[in-house]
Amino acid sequence: MSTDTLVRSTVDTESDPAFVTFTVAGQLFGVPVTRVQDILTPDAIAPVPGGPKQVRGLINLRGRIVTVIDMRTHLSLPRADAGQPGMCVTIESRGDFYTLFVDSVGDVITLPRSLREGNPATLDQVWRDVADAVYRTDQGLLVALHVDRLLAIETAA
């Protein structure tokens, strides 16, 4: 498995939030940089027969078994075309590691709090359950995910 090291800068929790960005079906998402452990391109994902539909499988990350969450499935988006590569954003929650399988990973960006908006009433219920806020960016709307709510829903399935 090849991995890219995520370079982190110290983030002051009182300052503007920093996000690792990624896309899923053309939509821009972000998770707090402080929650991200690794960015990687998986060599192989072992399936989990009979597991929750959102669980794409398992990977071995430096000797640790990590659950791979398929973000397209979880967000009720169409499956990617066969052969389309994906990337993984590995995060920690409650002492366990999970990796979000996404289409592509972007930059780490810091967004002014003034761009933060609550979840729009028209946001799909599935997305509203896992979104923390929406930010206006030069790249379009960024849906900031609430990691613990995302994984609570994922692991409860």
N, C-alpha and C. Protein backbone atom coordinates (compact mmCIF):
# COMPACT_ATOMS: atom_id res chain seq x y z
N MET A 1 0.85 -1.16 0.00
CA MET A 1 0.00 0.00 0.00
C MET A 1 0.89 1.22 0.00
N SER A 2 0.68 2.12 -0.94
CA SER A 2 1.48 3.34 -0.92
C SER A 2 0.77 4.39 -0.10
N THR A 3 1.53 5.17 0.64
CA THR A 3 0.92 6.21 1.47
C THR A 3 1.63 7.52 1.25
N ASP A 4 0.88 8.58 1.38
CA ASP A 4 1.45 9.93 1.35
C ASP A 4 1.34 10.47 2.76
N THR A 5 2.39 11.07 3.23
CA THR A 5 2.36 11.63 4.57
C THR A 5 1.64 12.96 4.53
N LEU A 6 0.73 13.14 5.44
CA LEU A 6 0.00 14.40 5.54
C LEU A 6 0.81 15.34 6.41
N VAL A 7 1.20 16.46 5.84
CA VAL A 7 1.96 17.45 6.58
C VAL A 7 0.96 18.34 7.30
N ARG A 8 1.10 18.43 8.60
CA ARG A 8 0.18 19.22 9.40
C ARG A 8 0.90 20.43 9.98
N SER A 9 0.17 21.51 10.03
CA SER A 9 0.68 22.65 10.77
C SER A 9 -0.14 22.74 12.05
N THR A 10 0.39 23.42 13.04
CA THR A 10 -0.34 23.57 14.29
C THR A 10 -1.56 24.42 14.02
N VAL A 11 -2.72 23.96 14.46
CA VAL A 11 -3.97 24.67 14.23
C VAL A 11 -4.48 25.17 15.57
N ASP A 12 -4.69 26.46 15.67
CA ASP A 12 -5.26 27.07 16.87
C ASP A 12 -6.76 26.92 16.78
N THR A 13 -7.37 26.24 17.76
CA THR A 13 -8.81 25.98 17.70
C THR A 13 -9.64 27.24 17.76
N GLU A 14 -9.05 28.36 18.21
CA GLU A 14 -9.78 29.62 18.26
C GLU A 14 -9.73 30.34 16.92
N SER A 15 -8.83 29.94 16.03
CA SER A 15 -8.70 30.61 14.74
C SER A 15 -9.66 29.97 13.73
N ASP A 16 -9.51 30.41 12.50
CA ASP A 16 -10.36 29.88 11.44
C ASP A 16 -10.06 28.39 11.23
N PRO A 17 -11.08 27.59 10.94
CA PRO A 17 -10.88 26.14 10.82
C PRO A 17 -10.14 25.76 9.53
N ALA A 18 -9.33 24.70 9.63
CA ALA A 18 -8.61 24.15 8.49
C ALA A 18 -9.22 22.79 8.16
N PHE A 19 -9.37 22.51 6.87
CA PHE A 19 -9.99 21.27 6.41
C PHE A 19 -9.13 20.58 5.38
N VAL A 20 -9.11 19.24 5.44
CA VAL A 20 -8.60 18.44 4.34
C VAL A 20 -9.80 18.29 3.40
N THR A 21 -9.62 18.67 2.16
CA THR A 21 -10.74 18.64 1.21
C THR A 21 -10.67 17.41 0.32
N PHE A 22 -11.83 16.97 -0.13
CA PHE A 22 -11.93 15.86 -1.06
C PHE A 22 -13.24 15.98 -1.83
N THR A 23 -13.31 15.26 -2.95
CA THR A 23 -14.53 15.27 -3.74
C THR A 23 -15.14 13.87 -3.78
N VAL A 24 -16.46 13.87 -3.84
CA VAL A 24 -17.24 12.66 -4.03
C VAL A 24 -18.32 13.03 -5.03
N ALA A 25 -18.31 12.39 -6.19
CA ALA A 25 -19.29 12.65 -7.26
C ALA A 25 -19.36 14.14 -7.59
N GLY A 26 -18.21 14.80 -7.63
CA GLY A 26 -18.14 16.20 -8.00
C GLY A 26 -18.43 17.19 -6.88
N GLN A 27 -18.87 16.73 -5.72
CA GLN A 27 -19.16 17.61 -4.59
C GLN A 27 -17.93 17.74 -3.70
N LEU A 28 -17.64 18.96 -3.27
CA LEU A 28 -16.50 19.23 -2.40
C LEU A 28 -16.90 19.03 -0.94
N PHE A 29 -16.10 18.26 -0.22
CA PHE A 29 -16.30 18.00 1.20
C PHE A 29 -15.02 18.34 1.95
N GLY A 30 -15.14 18.48 3.26
CA GLY A 30 -13.97 18.70 4.09
C GLY A 30 -14.14 18.07 5.45
N VAL A 31 -13.02 17.63 6.02
CA VAL A 31 -12.99 17.16 7.41
C VAL A 31 -11.90 17.95 8.11
N PRO A 32 -12.09 18.22 9.39
CA PRO A 32 -11.07 19.00 10.11
C PRO A 32 -9.69 18.35 10.01
N VAL A 33 -8.70 19.15 9.70
CA VAL A 33 -7.34 18.64 9.51
C VAL A 33 -6.84 17.97 10.79
N THR A 34 -7.30 18.41 11.93
CA THR A 34 -6.86 17.82 13.20
C THR A 34 -7.34 16.39 13.38
N ARG A 35 -8.32 15.95 12.60
CA ARG A 35 -8.85 14.58 12.72
C ARG A 35 -8.20 13.61 11.73
N VAL A 36 -7.48 14.14 10.74
CA VAL A 36 -6.93 13.31 9.67
C VAL A 36 -5.59 12.73 10.10
N GLN A 37 -5.47 11.41 9.96
CA GLN A 37 -4.25 10.70 10.32
C GLN A 37 -3.37 10.40 9.12
N ASP A 38 -3.98 10.20 7.94
CA ASP A 38 -3.22 9.77 6.78
C ASP A 38 -4.06 9.98 5.52
N ILE A 39 -3.37 10.14 4.40
CA ILE A 39 -3.98 10.16 3.07
C ILE A 39 -3.28 9.05 2.30
N LEU A 40 -4.04 8.20 1.62
CA LEU A 40 -3.40 7.10 0.92
C LEU A 40 -4.20 6.65 -0.28
N THR A 41 -3.50 5.93 -1.14
CA THR A 41 -4.12 5.26 -2.27
C THR A 41 -4.05 3.77 -1.95
N PRO A 42 -5.20 3.13 -1.75
CA PRO A 42 -5.16 1.72 -1.33
C PRO A 42 -4.73 0.80 -2.47
N ASP A 43 -3.87 -0.16 -2.14
CA ASP A 43 -3.48 -1.17 -3.11
C ASP A 43 -4.58 -2.23 -3.23
N ALA A 44 -5.12 -2.64 -2.10
CA ALA A 44 -6.15 -3.68 -2.09
C ALA A 44 -7.07 -3.45 -0.90
N ILE A 45 -8.36 -3.64 -1.17
CA ILE A 45 -9.37 -3.54 -0.12
C ILE A 45 -10.03 -4.91 -0.01
N ALA A 46 -9.92 -5.52 1.16
CA ALA A 46 -10.52 -6.84 1.38
C ALA A 46 -12.01 -6.66 1.69
N PRO A 47 -12.89 -7.33 0.94
CA PRO A 47 -14.32 -7.19 1.20
C PRO A 47 -14.73 -7.79 2.54
N VAL A 48 -15.85 -7.32 3.06
CA VAL A 48 -16.42 -7.83 4.31
C VAL A 48 -17.80 -8.40 3.97
N PRO A 49 -17.87 -9.69 3.63
CA PRO A 49 -19.17 -10.27 3.28
C PRO A 49 -20.17 -10.12 4.43
N GLY A 50 -21.36 -9.68 4.08
CA GLY A 50 -22.42 -9.52 5.08
C GLY A 50 -22.29 -8.28 5.93
N GLY A 51 -21.29 -7.44 5.65
CA GLY A 51 -21.11 -6.21 6.43
C GLY A 51 -22.09 -5.14 5.98
N PRO A 52 -22.13 -4.04 6.71
CA PRO A 52 -23.00 -2.92 6.32
C PRO A 52 -22.66 -2.45 4.91
N LYS A 53 -23.67 -1.99 4.17
CA LYS A 53 -23.45 -1.61 2.77
C LYS A 53 -22.45 -0.46 2.62
N GLN A 54 -22.31 0.39 3.65
CA GLN A 54 -21.38 1.50 3.57
C GLN A 54 -19.93 1.06 3.75
N VAL A 55 -19.72 -0.13 4.29
CA VAL A 55 -18.36 -0.63 4.50
C VAL A 55 -17.88 -1.29 3.22
N ARG A 56 -16.92 -0.62 2.59
CA ARG A 56 -16.37 -1.13 1.34
C ARG A 56 -15.46 -2.32 1.61
N GLY A 57 -14.82 -2.35 2.79
CA GLY A 57 -13.94 -3.45 3.15
C GLY A 57 -12.96 -3.03 4.21
N LEU A 58 -11.83 -3.75 4.23
CA LEU A 58 -10.78 -3.51 5.21
C LEU A 58 -9.44 -3.36 4.51
N ILE A 59 -8.57 -2.54 5.09
CA ILE A 59 -7.20 -2.44 4.60
C ILE A 59 -6.25 -2.64 5.77
N ASN A 60 -5.02 -2.98 5.44
CA ASN A 60 -3.95 -3.10 6.42
C ASN A 60 -3.10 -1.85 6.30
N LEU A 61 -3.14 -1.01 7.31
CA LEU A 61 -2.37 0.23 7.31
C LEU A 61 -1.28 0.12 8.37
N ARG A 62 -0.08 -0.21 7.91
CA ARG A 62 1.07 -0.37 8.80
C ARG A 62 0.77 -1.28 9.98
N GLY A 63 0.18 -2.44 9.68
CA GLY A 63 -0.10 -3.44 10.70
C GLY A 63 -1.41 -3.26 11.44
N ARG A 64 -2.15 -2.24 11.13
CA ARG A 64 -3.43 -1.98 11.79
C ARG A 64 -4.56 -2.20 10.77
N ILE A 65 -5.59 -2.95 11.17
CA ILE A 65 -6.73 -3.18 10.31
C ILE A 65 -7.65 -1.97 10.40
N VAL A 66 -7.96 -1.38 9.24
CA VAL A 66 -8.75 -0.15 9.17
C VAL A 66 -9.98 -0.40 8.30
N THR A 67 -11.14 0.03 8.79
CA THR A 67 -12.40 -0.10 8.05
C THR A 67 -12.49 0.99 6.99
N VAL A 68 -12.83 0.59 5.77
CA VAL A 68 -12.97 1.52 4.66
C VAL A 68 -14.46 1.85 4.47
N ILE A 69 -14.81 3.12 4.61
CA ILE A 69 -16.18 3.59 4.46
C ILE A 69 -16.34 4.16 3.05
N ASP A 70 -17.26 3.62 2.27
CA ASP A 70 -17.52 4.10 0.91
C ASP A 70 -18.43 5.33 1.00
N MET A 71 -17.88 6.50 0.75
CA MET A 71 -18.65 7.73 0.89
C MET A 71 -19.74 7.87 -0.15
N ARG A 72 -19.55 7.32 -1.33
CA ARG A 72 -20.63 7.37 -2.34
C ARG A 72 -21.85 6.60 -1.83
N THR A 73 -21.64 5.43 -1.31
CA THR A 73 -22.75 4.62 -0.80
C THR A 73 -23.41 5.32 0.37
N HIS A 74 -22.60 5.79 1.30
CA HIS A 74 -23.17 6.43 2.49
C HIS A 74 -24.00 7.68 2.14
N LEU A 75 -23.56 8.44 1.17
CA LEU A 75 -24.25 9.68 0.82
C LEU A 75 -25.31 9.47 -0.26
N SER A 76 -25.65 8.22 -0.53
CA SER A 76 -26.68 7.87 -1.51
C SER A 76 -26.37 8.43 -2.89
N LEU A 77 -25.12 8.35 -3.27
CA LEU A 77 -24.68 8.82 -4.59
C LEU A 77 -24.43 7.60 -5.48
N PRO A 78 -24.49 7.78 -6.80
CA PRO A 78 -24.26 6.65 -7.69
C PRO A 78 -22.84 6.11 -7.57
N ARG A 79 -22.72 4.81 -7.79
CA ARG A 79 -21.40 4.18 -7.75
C ARG A 79 -20.51 4.79 -8.82
N ALA A 80 -19.21 4.80 -8.56
CA ALA A 80 -18.23 5.29 -9.53
C ALA A 80 -18.13 4.30 -10.68
N ASP A 81 -17.66 4.79 -11.81
CA ASP A 81 -17.44 3.91 -12.95
C ASP A 81 -16.41 2.85 -12.59
N ALA A 82 -16.59 1.66 -13.14
CA ALA A 82 -15.65 0.56 -12.88
C ALA A 82 -14.25 1.00 -13.28
N GLY A 83 -13.30 0.70 -12.45
CA GLY A 83 -11.92 1.05 -12.73
C GLY A 83 -11.53 2.46 -12.32
N GLN A 84 -12.49 3.27 -11.87
CA GLN A 84 -12.15 4.62 -11.43
C GLN A 84 -11.39 4.51 -10.11
N PRO A 85 -10.15 5.01 -10.07
CA PRO A 85 -9.39 4.90 -8.83
C PRO A 85 -9.99 5.82 -7.76
N GLY A 86 -9.71 5.51 -6.55
CA GLY A 86 -10.15 6.35 -5.45
C GLY A 86 -9.01 6.57 -4.49
N MET A 87 -9.27 7.39 -3.51
CA MET A 87 -8.28 7.67 -2.49
C MET A 87 -8.93 7.51 -1.13
N CYS A 88 -8.10 7.41 -0.11
CA CYS A 88 -8.60 7.23 1.24
C CYS A 88 -8.10 8.34 2.16
N VAL A 89 -9.02 8.84 2.97
CA VAL A 89 -8.70 9.82 4.00
C VAL A 89 -8.90 9.11 5.33
N THR A 90 -7.82 8.83 6.03
CA THR A 90 -7.89 8.06 7.27
C THR A 90 -8.08 9.01 8.45
N ILE A 91 -9.09 8.70 9.25
CA ILE A 91 -9.43 9.53 10.40
C ILE A 91 -9.55 8.66 11.64
N GLU A 92 -9.46 9.30 12.80
CA GLU A 92 -9.58 8.60 14.07
C GLU A 92 -10.85 9.07 14.76
N SER A 93 -11.55 8.12 15.37
CA SER A 93 -12.74 8.45 16.14
C SER A 93 -12.85 7.46 17.29
N ARG A 94 -12.89 7.98 18.49
CA ARG A 94 -13.05 7.16 19.70
C ARG A 94 -12.02 6.04 19.79
N GLY A 95 -10.78 6.34 19.39
CA GLY A 95 -9.70 5.36 19.50
C GLY A 95 -9.61 4.36 18.36
N ASP A 96 -10.53 4.41 17.41
CA ASP A 96 -10.49 3.51 16.25
C ASP A 96 -10.17 4.32 14.99
N PHE A 97 -9.59 3.63 14.00
CA PHE A 97 -9.26 4.28 12.75
C PHE A 97 -10.22 3.80 11.66
N TYR A 98 -10.61 4.73 10.83
CA TYR A 98 -11.47 4.49 9.69
C TYR A 98 -10.87 5.24 8.52
N THR A 99 -11.15 4.78 7.31
CA THR A 99 -10.71 5.54 6.15
C THR A 99 -11.91 5.78 5.24
N LEU A 100 -12.06 7.01 4.81
CA LEU A 100 -13.15 7.41 3.93
C LEU A 100 -12.68 7.22 2.50
N PHE A 101 -13.36 6.37 1.74
CA PHE A 101 -13.01 6.14 0.34
C PHE A 101 -13.71 7.20 -0.49
N VAL A 102 -12.92 8.06 -1.13
CA VAL A 102 -13.43 9.22 -1.86
C VAL A 102 -12.88 9.19 -3.29
N ASP A 103 -13.42 10.07 -4.14
CA ASP A 103 -12.96 10.12 -5.53
C ASP A 103 -11.56 10.71 -5.66
N SER A 104 -11.34 11.84 -4.99
CA SER A 104 -10.03 12.49 -5.04
C SER A 104 -9.85 13.36 -3.81
N VAL A 105 -8.59 13.60 -3.46
CA VAL A 105 -8.25 14.43 -2.32
C VAL A 105 -7.67 15.73 -2.84
N GLY A 106 -8.09 16.83 -2.23
CA GLY A 106 -7.61 18.14 -2.63
C GLY A 106 -6.58 18.68 -1.66
N ASP A 107 -6.68 19.97 -1.42
CA ASP A 107 -5.73 20.67 -0.57
C ASP A 107 -6.22 20.75 0.87
N VAL A 108 -5.32 21.16 1.73
CA VAL A 108 -5.70 21.57 3.08
C VAL A 108 -5.96 23.07 2.98
N ILE A 109 -7.17 23.48 3.35
CA ILE A 109 -7.52 24.90 3.26
C ILE A 109 -8.03 25.40 4.60
N THR A 110 -7.75 26.66 4.85
CA THR A 110 -8.27 27.33 6.04
C THR A 110 -9.34 28.29 5.56
N LEU A 111 -10.51 28.24 6.19
CA LEU A 111 -11.64 29.07 5.76
C LEU A 111 -12.03 30.04 6.87
N PRO A 112 -12.24 31.28 6.53
CA PRO A 112 -12.70 32.24 7.54
C PRO A 112 -14.06 31.83 8.09
N ARG A 113 -14.23 31.99 9.38
CA ARG A 113 -15.51 31.65 10.01
C ARG A 113 -16.66 32.43 9.39
N SER A 114 -16.38 33.57 8.80
CA SER A 114 -17.43 34.39 8.18
C SER A 114 -18.08 33.70 6.98
N LEU A 115 -17.41 32.70 6.41
CA LEU A 115 -17.97 31.96 5.27
C LEU A 115 -18.84 30.79 5.71
N ARG A 116 -18.85 30.51 7.00
CA ARG A 116 -19.60 29.37 7.54
C ARG A 116 -21.09 29.67 7.57
N GLU A 117 -21.87 28.71 7.10
CA GLU A 117 -23.32 28.80 7.16
C GLU A 117 -23.85 27.49 7.70
N GLY A 118 -24.98 27.55 8.35
CA GLY A 118 -25.62 26.33 8.82
C GLY A 118 -26.07 25.48 7.65
N ASN A 119 -26.49 24.29 7.93
CA ASN A 119 -26.98 23.41 6.87
C ASN A 119 -28.26 23.97 6.27
N PRO A 120 -28.31 24.11 4.96
CA PRO A 120 -29.54 24.59 4.32
C PRO A 120 -30.69 23.62 4.54
N ALA A 121 -31.90 24.16 4.64
CA ALA A 121 -33.09 23.32 4.84
C ALA A 121 -33.28 22.35 3.68
N THR A 122 -32.77 22.71 2.51
CA THR A 122 -32.94 21.87 1.32
C THR A 122 -31.90 20.76 1.20
N LEU A 123 -30.94 20.74 2.12
CA LEU A 123 -29.91 19.70 2.09
C LEU A 123 -30.56 18.35 2.38
N ASP A 124 -30.23 17.36 1.59
CA ASP A 124 -30.76 16.01 1.75
C ASP A 124 -30.57 15.55 3.20
N GLN A 125 -31.54 14.85 3.74
CA GLN A 125 -31.51 14.42 5.14
C GLN A 125 -30.27 13.58 5.46
N VAL A 126 -29.87 12.71 4.54
CA VAL A 126 -28.68 11.89 4.76
C VAL A 126 -27.46 12.79 4.95
N TRP A 127 -27.35 13.82 4.13
CA TRP A 127 -26.22 14.73 4.21
C TRP A 127 -26.33 15.60 5.46
N ARG A 128 -27.53 16.04 5.79
CA ARG A 128 -27.74 16.88 6.96
C ARG A 128 -27.32 16.16 8.24
N ASP A 129 -27.54 14.85 8.29
CA ASP A 129 -27.18 14.06 9.46
C ASP A 129 -25.67 14.04 9.72
N VAL A 130 -24.88 14.18 8.68
CA VAL A 130 -23.43 14.08 8.82
C VAL A 130 -22.69 15.39 8.60
N ALA A 131 -23.40 16.41 8.13
CA ALA A 131 -22.76 17.70 7.85
C ALA A 131 -22.76 18.58 9.09
N ASP A 132 -21.66 19.29 9.27
CA ASP A 132 -21.53 20.23 10.37
C ASP A 132 -21.92 21.63 9.92
N ALA A 133 -21.55 21.98 8.69
CA ALA A 133 -21.83 23.30 8.14
C ALA A 133 -21.52 23.29 6.66
N VAL A 134 -21.83 24.39 6.01
CA VAL A 134 -21.51 24.59 4.60
C VAL A 134 -20.70 25.89 4.51
N TYR A 135 -19.66 25.87 3.68
CA TYR A 135 -18.82 27.06 3.48
C TYR A 135 -18.85 27.44 2.01
N ARG A 136 -18.89 28.72 1.74
CA ARG A 136 -18.75 29.23 0.38
C ARG A 136 -17.26 29.36 0.09
N THR A 137 -16.80 28.73 -0.99
CA THR A 137 -15.39 28.82 -1.37
C THR A 137 -15.29 29.18 -2.85
N ASP A 138 -14.07 29.47 -3.29
CA ASP A 138 -13.83 29.74 -4.71
C ASP A 138 -14.11 28.51 -5.56
N GLN A 139 -14.05 27.33 -4.96
CA GLN A 139 -14.28 26.07 -5.68
C GLN A 139 -15.73 25.63 -5.62
N GLY A 140 -16.60 26.41 -5.01
CA GLY A 140 -18.00 26.04 -4.83
C GLY A 140 -18.30 25.84 -3.36
N LEU A 141 -19.42 25.21 -3.09
CA LEU A 141 -19.79 24.96 -1.70
C LEU A 141 -19.03 23.76 -1.14
N LEU A 142 -18.47 23.94 0.04
CA LEU A 142 -17.79 22.86 0.74
C LEU A 142 -18.69 22.41 1.87
N VAL A 143 -19.02 21.13 1.89
CA VAL A 143 -19.79 20.55 2.98
C VAL A 143 -18.80 20.03 4.00
N ALA A 144 -18.78 20.67 5.17
CA ALA A 144 -17.88 20.25 6.26
C ALA A 144 -18.55 19.11 7.01
N LEU A 145 -17.89 17.98 7.07
CA LEU A 145 -18.46 16.80 7.72
C LEU A 145 -18.13 16.77 9.21
N HIS A 146 -19.07 16.29 9.98
CA HIS A 146 -18.88 16.08 11.41
C HIS A 146 -18.46 14.62 11.56
N VAL A 147 -17.19 14.39 11.82
CA VAL A 147 -16.60 13.06 11.79
C VAL A 147 -17.31 12.08 12.72
N ASP A 148 -17.55 12.47 13.96
CA ASP A 148 -18.15 11.53 14.91
C ASP A 148 -19.58 11.14 14.52
N ARG A 149 -20.36 12.09 14.02
CA ARG A 149 -21.72 11.75 13.58
C ARG A 149 -21.67 10.85 12.34
N LEU A 150 -20.76 11.14 11.44
CA LEU A 150 -20.59 10.32 10.24
C LEU A 150 -20.29 8.88 10.62
N LEU A 151 -19.35 8.69 11.53
CA LEU A 151 -18.95 7.34 11.90
C LEU A 151 -19.94 6.67 12.83
N ALA A 152 -20.68 7.42 13.62
CA ALA A 152 -21.72 6.82 14.46
C ALA A 152 -22.79 6.20 13.59
N ILE A 153 -23.14 6.88 12.52
CA ILE A 153 -24.14 6.35 11.60
C ILE A 153 -23.57 5.16 10.85
N GLU A 154 -22.31 5.28 10.40
CA GLU A 154 -21.67 4.20 9.64
C GLU A 154 -21.57 2.92 10.46
N THR A 155 -21.12 3.04 11.69
CA THR A 155 -20.86 1.85 12.47
C THR A 155 -22.13 1.28 13.11
N ALA A 156 -23.22 2.05 13.09
CA ALA A 156 -24.46 1.55 13.66
C ALA A 156 -25.22 0.68 12.67
N ALA A 157 -24.86 0.78 11.39
CA ALA A 157 -25.59 0.06 10.35
C ALA A 157 -25.40 -1.44 10.47
